[in-house]
Amino acid sequence: MKMITFMLLFLSALSGLANADTYDEANAAYKKGDYILALKLFQPLAAQGNAKAQNLLGFMYKRGQGVAQDYQEALKWYLLAAPQGEVGAQINLGSMYVYGLGVTQNFQEAAKWYRLAAAQENSAAQYTLGVMYQNGDGVTQDYQEARKWFLLAAAKGDADAQHALGFIYYNGRGVTQDYKEALKWYRLASAQGDAVAQLNLGFMYSLGEGVTQDYQEALKWFRLAAAQGDVNAQKILGVMYIHGKGVTHDFVEASKWYRLAAAQGDSDAHYNLGGMYRQGDGVTQDPVRAYMWFKLAASRGMRKAEESLDSVAKTMTPIQIDEALNLASVCAKQRYKNCD
């Protein structure tokens, strides 16, 4: 009897080792982008109850990797893995309920699964749970509870949570408004490359909130955010170069930043470029280009752009107006890229 028990334990151990090897092989195939092989290896493991394999199989069905995209099939595998304590599956399941993928949207159910993952010290789940308490999604809105979860995630270095704490302290949501504490959290998030935190830090230096007003320091943070494509930072840099805040007054540099923002479809940047072409500030004066940019801004409902259109049109010939309208149409079709 002892020998039989020993053999069963031995065979079970061997099976576990084989499964581990197969999972590693499947995971390696997935990381290489060989989804067909990964699927073939994950499926039997998932059928045997391997939670990690079930989670990844669910993810492959969600993304349509090596198989037709199928949210309900993804949900099935997540629901098998998540109750086993697989944190990735709990987070993925929460996401499915948030966005209503393969299931009716249900924030309360999403919060349940995020809470289970958060209890396992997962920073992404802790941050997301904080957002749900901040917004009142599936839970009673509670800024102090949101702050609790943000603090837990931020202590693990989660940049989103650090940014969120900066927002809470800056705006006094559930806490006494505290610019210095906001600065602390925005700095931590900014150091990790969070573009919006960098933007907000730039604002605080430019306005002297919680810190001595310092346009050059503000400029540094705006540049970092703008380099990541933050449209608001790009626009602000344009303003700073026009007004010489922390830099030498430079219309050419201002037009560069406005163009970058304009290429993202920003109406303010379109309007400002229109004004620069109208006046010849940093660019060759050109009523056709001015009209084109004003038209693009006006098409997004900007009233002052409509007024500028009427004004600049008085200096143009009908042929020039037709040319400008054609340029604006082409620019919009190109999604505002390469319009100059």
Protein backbone atom coordinates (compact mmCIF):
# COMPACT_ATOMS: atom_id res chain seq x y z
CA MET A 1 0.00 0.00 0.00
CA LYS A 2 2.84 2.36 0.88
CA MET A 3 4.50 1.53 -2.44
CA ILE A 4 1.29 2.33 -4.38
CA THR A 5 0.90 5.64 -2.55
CA PHE A 6 4.52 6.52 -3.25
CA MET A 7 4.14 5.68 -6.95
CA LEU A 8 1.01 7.83 -7.22
CA LEU A 9 2.81 10.77 -5.61
CA PHE A 10 5.82 10.22 -7.84
CA LEU A 11 3.70 10.11 -11.00
CA SER A 12 1.81 13.22 -9.86
CA ALA A 13 5.08 15.08 -9.37
CA LEU A 14 6.29 14.03 -12.80
CA SER A 15 3.01 15.23 -14.30
CA GLY A 16 3.43 18.59 -12.59
CA LEU A 17 6.95 18.96 -13.94
CA ALA A 18 5.78 18.03 -17.44
CA ASN A 19 2.96 20.57 -17.23
CA ALA A 20 5.39 23.23 -16.07
CA ASP A 21 7.68 22.48 -19.01
CA THR A 22 4.73 22.57 -21.43
CA TYR A 23 3.50 25.88 -19.99
CA ASP A 24 6.95 27.42 -20.36
CA GLU A 25 7.12 26.16 -23.94
CA ALA A 26 3.66 27.57 -24.67
CA ASN A 27 4.52 30.90 -23.07
CA ALA A 28 7.76 31.12 -25.05
CA ALA A 29 5.84 30.45 -28.29
CA TYR A 30 3.34 33.16 -27.38
CA LYS A 31 6.07 35.72 -26.70
CA LYS A 32 7.63 34.92 -30.08
CA GLY A 33 4.30 35.55 -31.78
CA ASP A 34 3.79 31.90 -32.72
CA TYR A 35 0.14 31.97 -31.67
CA ILE A 36 -0.83 28.72 -33.42
CA LEU A 37 1.73 26.71 -31.45
CA ALA A 38 0.95 28.58 -28.24
CA LEU A 39 -2.77 27.84 -28.66
CA LYS A 40 -2.06 24.18 -29.31
CA LEU A 41 0.00 23.92 -26.12
CA PHE A 42 -2.20 26.08 -23.88
CA GLN A 43 -5.47 24.27 -24.71
CA PRO A 44 -4.74 20.91 -23.04
CA LEU A 45 -3.20 22.66 -20.02
CA ALA A 46 -6.26 24.87 -19.67
CA ALA A 47 -8.56 21.85 -19.97
CA GLN A 48 -6.63 20.26 -17.09
CA GLY A 49 -7.35 23.30 -14.91
CA ASN A 50 -4.06 25.19 -15.20
CA ALA A 51 -5.12 28.71 -14.21
CA LYS A 52 -2.26 30.52 -15.93
CA ALA A 53 -2.94 28.66 -19.17
CA GLN A 54 -6.67 29.41 -18.84
CA ASN A 55 -5.92 33.12 -18.40
CA LEU A 56 -3.63 33.29 -21.42
CA LEU A 57 -6.04 31.25 -23.51
CA GLY A 58 -8.76 33.73 -22.56
CA PHE A 59 -6.49 36.59 -23.54
CA MET A 60 -5.82 35.01 -26.93
CA TYR A 61 -9.54 34.68 -27.58
CA LYS A 62 -10.06 38.28 -26.50
CA ARG A 63 -7.37 39.55 -28.86
CA GLY A 64 -8.02 37.08 -31.69
CA GLN A 65 -4.49 35.72 -31.56
CA GLY A 66 -4.20 32.41 -33.43
CA VAL A 67 -7.97 32.06 -33.26
CA ALA A 68 -11.09 34.01 -34.25
CA GLN A 69 -11.79 36.78 -31.75
CA ASP A 70 -14.45 35.54 -29.33
CA TYR A 71 -15.25 37.56 -26.20
CA GLN A 72 -17.59 34.93 -24.76
CA GLU A 73 -14.97 32.23 -25.11
CA ALA A 74 -12.43 34.57 -23.48
CA LEU A 75 -14.88 35.19 -20.63
CA LYS A 76 -15.34 31.43 -20.15
CA TRP A 77 -11.63 30.88 -19.59
CA TYR A 78 -11.23 33.92 -17.35
CA LEU A 79 -14.13 32.67 -15.20
CA LEU A 80 -12.34 29.35 -14.78
CA ALA A 81 -8.98 30.91 -13.88
CA ALA A 82 -10.06 33.84 -11.71
CA PRO A 83 -11.70 31.82 -8.88
CA GLN A 84 -8.43 29.90 -8.56
CA GLY A 85 -6.74 33.15 -7.54
CA GLU A 86 -5.06 33.87 -10.88
CA VAL A 87 -4.54 37.60 -10.52
CA GLY A 88 -4.17 38.25 -14.24
CA ALA A 89 -7.50 36.57 -14.91
CA GLN A 90 -9.18 38.58 -12.15
CA ILE A 91 -7.95 41.81 -13.73
CA ASN A 92 -8.90 40.67 -17.23
CA LEU A 93 -12.34 39.63 -16.00
CA GLY A 94 -12.81 43.02 -14.35
CA SER A 95 -11.96 44.67 -17.66
CA MET A 96 -14.51 42.53 -19.52
CA TYR A 97 -17.25 43.65 -17.15
CA VAL A 98 -16.17 47.30 -17.34
CA TYR A 99 -16.35 47.39 -21.14
CA GLY A 100 -19.17 44.90 -21.58
CA LEU A 101 -17.13 42.48 -23.69
CA GLY A 102 -18.94 39.14 -24.05
CA VAL A 103 -21.15 40.10 -21.13
CA THR A 104 -23.50 42.88 -20.07
CA GLN A 105 -21.55 45.84 -18.71
CA ASN A 106 -21.53 45.56 -14.94
CA PHE A 107 -19.32 47.85 -12.85
CA GLN A 108 -20.27 46.13 -9.59
CA GLU A 109 -19.08 42.79 -10.90
CA ALA A 110 -15.93 44.44 -12.24
CA ALA A 111 -15.22 45.98 -8.82
CA LYS A 112 -15.59 42.54 -7.22
CA TRP A 113 -12.85 41.04 -9.39
CA TYR A 114 -10.55 44.08 -9.16
CA ARG A 115 -10.90 43.93 -5.38
CA LEU A 116 -9.78 40.28 -5.34
CA ALA A 117 -6.74 41.14 -7.46
CA ALA A 118 -6.03 44.21 -5.32
CA ALA A 119 -6.06 42.03 -2.21
CA GLN A 120 -3.18 40.13 -3.79
CA GLU A 121 -1.18 43.39 -3.82
CA ASN A 122 -1.51 43.91 -7.56
CA SER A 123 -0.83 47.61 -8.14
CA ALA A 124 -2.78 47.84 -11.42
CA ALA A 125 -5.89 46.46 -9.71
CA GLN A 126 -5.39 48.75 -6.72
CA TYR A 127 -5.13 51.76 -9.02
CA THR A 128 -8.21 50.74 -11.02
CA LEU A 129 -10.20 50.18 -7.82
CA GLY A 130 -9.15 53.66 -6.74
CA VAL A 131 -10.47 55.09 -10.01
CA MET A 132 -13.78 53.28 -9.49
CA TYR A 133 -14.17 54.80 -6.02
CA GLN A 134 -13.15 58.21 -7.35
CA ASN A 135 -15.78 58.07 -10.11
CA GLY A 136 -18.44 56.07 -8.27
CA ASP A 137 -18.39 53.26 -10.85
CA GLY A 138 -19.98 50.15 -9.32
CA VAL A 139 -19.31 51.48 -5.83
CA THR A 140 -20.45 54.45 -3.78
CA GLN A 141 -18.26 57.42 -4.68
CA ASP A 142 -15.71 57.80 -1.91
CA TYR A 143 -12.60 59.96 -2.39
CA GLN A 144 -11.00 58.75 0.83
CA GLU A 145 -11.39 55.12 -0.23
CA ALA A 146 -9.99 56.07 -3.64
CA ARG A 147 -7.01 57.69 -1.92
CA LYS A 148 -6.42 54.52 0.12
CA TRP A 149 -6.12 52.38 -2.99
CA PHE A 150 -4.06 54.96 -4.86
CA LEU A 151 -1.62 55.12 -1.94
CA LEU A 152 -1.19 51.34 -1.93
CA ALA A 153 -0.48 51.30 -5.68
CA ALA A 154 1.71 54.41 -5.58
CA ALA A 155 3.89 52.87 -2.85
CA LYS A 156 4.70 50.11 -5.34
CA GLY A 157 5.79 52.72 -7.89
CA ASP A 158 2.62 52.78 -9.99
CA ALA A 159 2.89 56.02 -12.01
CA ASP A 160 -0.85 56.21 -12.71
CA ALA A 161 -1.60 56.05 -9.01
CA GLN A 162 1.04 58.68 -8.25
CA HIS A 163 -0.52 60.93 -10.87
CA ALA A 164 -3.97 60.30 -9.38
CA LEU A 165 -2.75 61.31 -5.93
CA GLY A 166 -1.33 64.50 -7.39
CA PHE A 167 -4.77 65.23 -8.85
CA ILE A 168 -6.52 64.50 -5.54
CA TYR A 169 -4.26 66.83 -3.55
CA TYR A 170 -4.25 69.55 -6.21
CA ASN A 171 -8.05 69.66 -6.32
CA GLY A 172 -8.74 68.83 -2.66
CA ARG A 173 -10.81 65.73 -3.41
CA GLY A 174 -11.45 64.01 -0.07
CA VAL A 175 -8.41 65.76 1.42
CA THR A 176 -7.40 69.29 2.27
CA GLN A 177 -6.07 70.95 -0.87
CA ASP A 178 -2.30 70.77 -0.66
CA TYR A 179 -0.16 71.98 -3.59
CA LYS A 180 3.09 70.76 -2.04
CA GLU A 181 1.72 67.25 -1.65
CA ALA A 182 0.38 67.43 -5.21
CA LEU A 183 3.84 68.47 -6.41
CA LYS A 184 5.41 65.51 -4.61
CA TRP A 185 3.19 62.99 -6.38
CA TYR A 186 3.33 64.71 -9.77
CA ARG A 187 7.15 64.70 -9.54
CA LEU A 188 7.20 60.96 -8.84
CA ALA A 189 4.87 60.22 -11.77
CA SER A 190 6.76 62.65 -14.03
CA ALA A 191 10.05 60.94 -13.26
CA GLN A 192 8.52 57.76 -14.68
CA GLY A 193 7.55 59.56 -17.89
CA ASP A 194 3.87 60.25 -17.22
CA ALA A 195 3.18 62.98 -19.80
CA VAL A 196 0.08 64.43 -18.14
CA ALA A 197 1.85 64.59 -14.78
CA GLN A 198 4.69 66.42 -16.53
CA LEU A 199 2.15 68.82 -18.03
CA ASN A 200 0.57 69.45 -14.62
CA LEU A 201 3.97 69.95 -13.02
CA GLY A 202 4.74 72.50 -15.72
CA PHE A 203 1.51 74.33 -14.93
CA MET A 204 2.34 74.44 -11.23
CA TYR A 205 5.78 75.93 -11.87
CA SER A 206 4.38 78.44 -14.35
CA LEU A 207 1.70 79.55 -11.88
CA GLY A 208 3.82 79.31 -8.73
CA GLU A 209 1.49 76.85 -7.02
CA GLY A 210 3.20 75.20 -4.06
CA VAL A 211 6.55 76.32 -5.45
CA THR A 212 8.32 79.50 -6.46
CA GLN A 213 7.17 80.56 -9.92
CA ASP A 214 9.79 79.40 -12.39
CA TYR A 215 9.10 79.60 -16.13
CA GLN A 216 12.30 77.80 -17.07
CA GLU A 217 11.44 74.85 -14.85
CA ALA A 218 7.92 74.92 -16.27
CA LEU A 219 9.38 74.92 -19.77
CA LYS A 220 11.45 71.84 -18.95
CA TRP A 221 8.39 69.84 -17.96
CA PHE A 222 6.27 71.12 -20.84
CA ARG A 223 9.00 70.06 -23.27
CA LEU A 224 9.13 66.56 -21.81
CA ALA A 225 5.36 66.20 -22.10
CA ALA A 226 5.29 67.72 -25.60
CA ALA A 227 8.02 65.34 -26.78
CA GLN A 228 5.65 62.50 -25.88
CA GLY A 229 2.96 64.04 -28.05
CA ASP A 230 0.90 65.77 -25.36
CA VAL A 231 -1.11 68.27 -27.41
CA ASN A 232 -1.72 70.67 -24.52
CA ALA A 233 1.98 70.86 -23.74
CA GLN A 234 2.72 71.54 -27.41
CA LYS A 235 0.21 74.41 -27.45
CA ILE A 236 1.56 75.87 -24.21
CA LEU A 237 5.10 75.82 -25.59
CA GLY A 238 3.81 77.81 -28.54
CA VAL A 239 2.34 80.37 -26.15
CA MET A 240 5.54 80.55 -24.10
CA TYR A 241 7.67 81.22 -27.19
CA ILE A 242 5.27 83.90 -28.40
CA HIS A 243 5.29 85.71 -25.07
CA GLY A 244 8.91 84.97 -24.13
CA LYS A 245 8.09 83.18 -20.87
CA GLY A 246 11.28 81.43 -19.71
CA VAL A 247 12.67 81.65 -23.24
CA THR A 248 13.64 84.26 -25.80
CA HIS A 249 10.62 85.48 -27.76
CA ASP A 250 10.61 83.32 -30.93
CA PHE A 251 7.72 83.16 -33.41
CA VAL A 252 9.44 80.51 -35.53
CA GLU A 253 9.75 78.14 -32.57
CA ALA A 254 6.16 78.92 -31.57
CA SER A 255 4.93 77.98 -35.03
CA LYS A 256 6.81 74.67 -34.80
CA TRP A 257 4.95 73.67 -31.64
CA TYR A 258 1.61 74.87 -32.95
CA ARG A 259 2.12 72.75 -36.08
CA LEU A 260 2.71 69.66 -33.96
CA ALA A 261 -0.49 70.31 -32.04
CA ALA A 262 -2.35 71.14 -35.27
CA ALA A 263 -1.30 67.78 -36.73
CA GLN A 264 -3.25 66.17 -33.88
CA GLY A 265 -6.38 68.02 -34.94
CA ASP A 266 -6.31 70.65 -32.21
CA SER A 267 -8.60 73.59 -33.07
CA ASP A 268 -6.72 76.11 -30.91
CA ALA A 269 -3.51 75.30 -32.76
CA HIS A 270 -5.32 75.65 -36.10
CA TYR A 271 -6.61 79.04 -35.06
CA ASN A 272 -3.22 80.24 -33.78
CA LEU A 273 -1.48 79.16 -36.97
CA GLY A 274 -4.12 81.04 -38.92
CA GLY A 275 -3.27 84.16 -36.96
CA MET A 276 0.47 83.70 -37.55
CA TYR A 277 0.00 83.36 -41.32
CA ARG A 278 -2.30 86.36 -41.34
CA GLN A 279 0.26 88.54 -39.56
CA GLY A 280 3.43 86.92 -40.93
CA ASP A 281 4.67 86.04 -37.44
CA GLY A 282 7.38 83.39 -37.74
CA VAL A 283 6.10 82.42 -41.18
CA THR A 284 5.76 84.10 -44.55
CA GLN A 285 2.56 86.14 -44.55
CA ASP A 286 -0.01 84.21 -46.56
CA PRO A 287 -3.76 84.92 -46.53
CA VAL A 288 -4.49 81.59 -48.27
CA ARG A 289 -2.77 79.61 -45.49
CA ALA A 290 -4.37 81.84 -42.88
CA TYR A 291 -7.82 81.16 -44.35
CA MET A 292 -7.09 77.43 -44.51
CA TRP A 293 -6.22 77.21 -40.81
CA PHE A 294 -9.11 79.44 -39.75
CA LYS A 295 -11.46 77.28 -41.81
CA LEU A 296 -10.24 74.12 -40.10
CA ALA A 297 -10.77 75.69 -36.68
CA ALA A 298 -14.18 77.05 -37.69
CA SER A 299 -15.26 73.62 -38.93
CA ARG A 300 -14.91 72.40 -35.33
CA GLY A 301 -17.32 75.08 -34.11
CA MET A 302 -14.89 77.80 -33.03
CA ARG A 303 -16.80 81.08 -33.28
CA LYS A 304 -13.76 83.37 -33.22
CA ALA A 305 -12.31 81.39 -36.13
CA GLU A 306 -15.49 82.04 -38.11
CA GLU A 307 -15.10 85.76 -37.41
CA SER A 308 -11.46 85.63 -38.51
CA LEU A 309 -12.51 83.87 -41.72
CA ASP A 310 -14.82 86.74 -42.59
CA SER A 311 -12.11 89.26 -41.80
CA VAL A 312 -9.30 87.66 -43.82
CA ALA A 313 -11.65 86.92 -46.73
CA LYS A 314 -12.01 90.66 -47.30
CA THR A 315 -8.32 90.78 -48.32
CA MET A 316 -8.57 87.81 -50.72
CA THR A 317 -9.72 87.18 -54.27
CA PRO A 318 -12.37 84.52 -55.03
CA ILE A 319 -9.63 82.36 -56.58
CA GLN A 320 -7.57 82.57 -53.38
CA ILE A 321 -10.58 81.62 -51.27
CA ASP A 322 -11.27 78.59 -53.49
CA GLU A 323 -7.62 77.57 -53.16
CA ALA A 324 -7.77 77.90 -49.38
CA LEU A 325 -10.98 75.86 -49.18
CA ASN A 326 -9.38 73.12 -51.27
CA LEU A 327 -6.29 73.10 -49.03
CA ALA A 328 -8.48 72.85 -45.94
CA SER A 329 -10.40 69.93 -47.45
CA VAL A 330 -7.19 68.08 -48.36
CA CYS A 331 -5.73 68.76 -44.92
CA ALA A 332 -8.81 67.35 -43.16
CA LYS A 333 -8.74 64.24 -45.38
CA GLN A 334 -5.08 63.76 -44.46
CA ARG A 335 -6.11 64.00 -40.79
CA TYR A 336 -4.25 67.28 -40.47
CA LYS A 337 -0.86 65.80 -41.40
CA ASN A 338 1.52 67.53 -43.86
CA CYS A 339 -0.83 70.46 -44.40
CA ASP A 340 1.87 73.13 -44.83
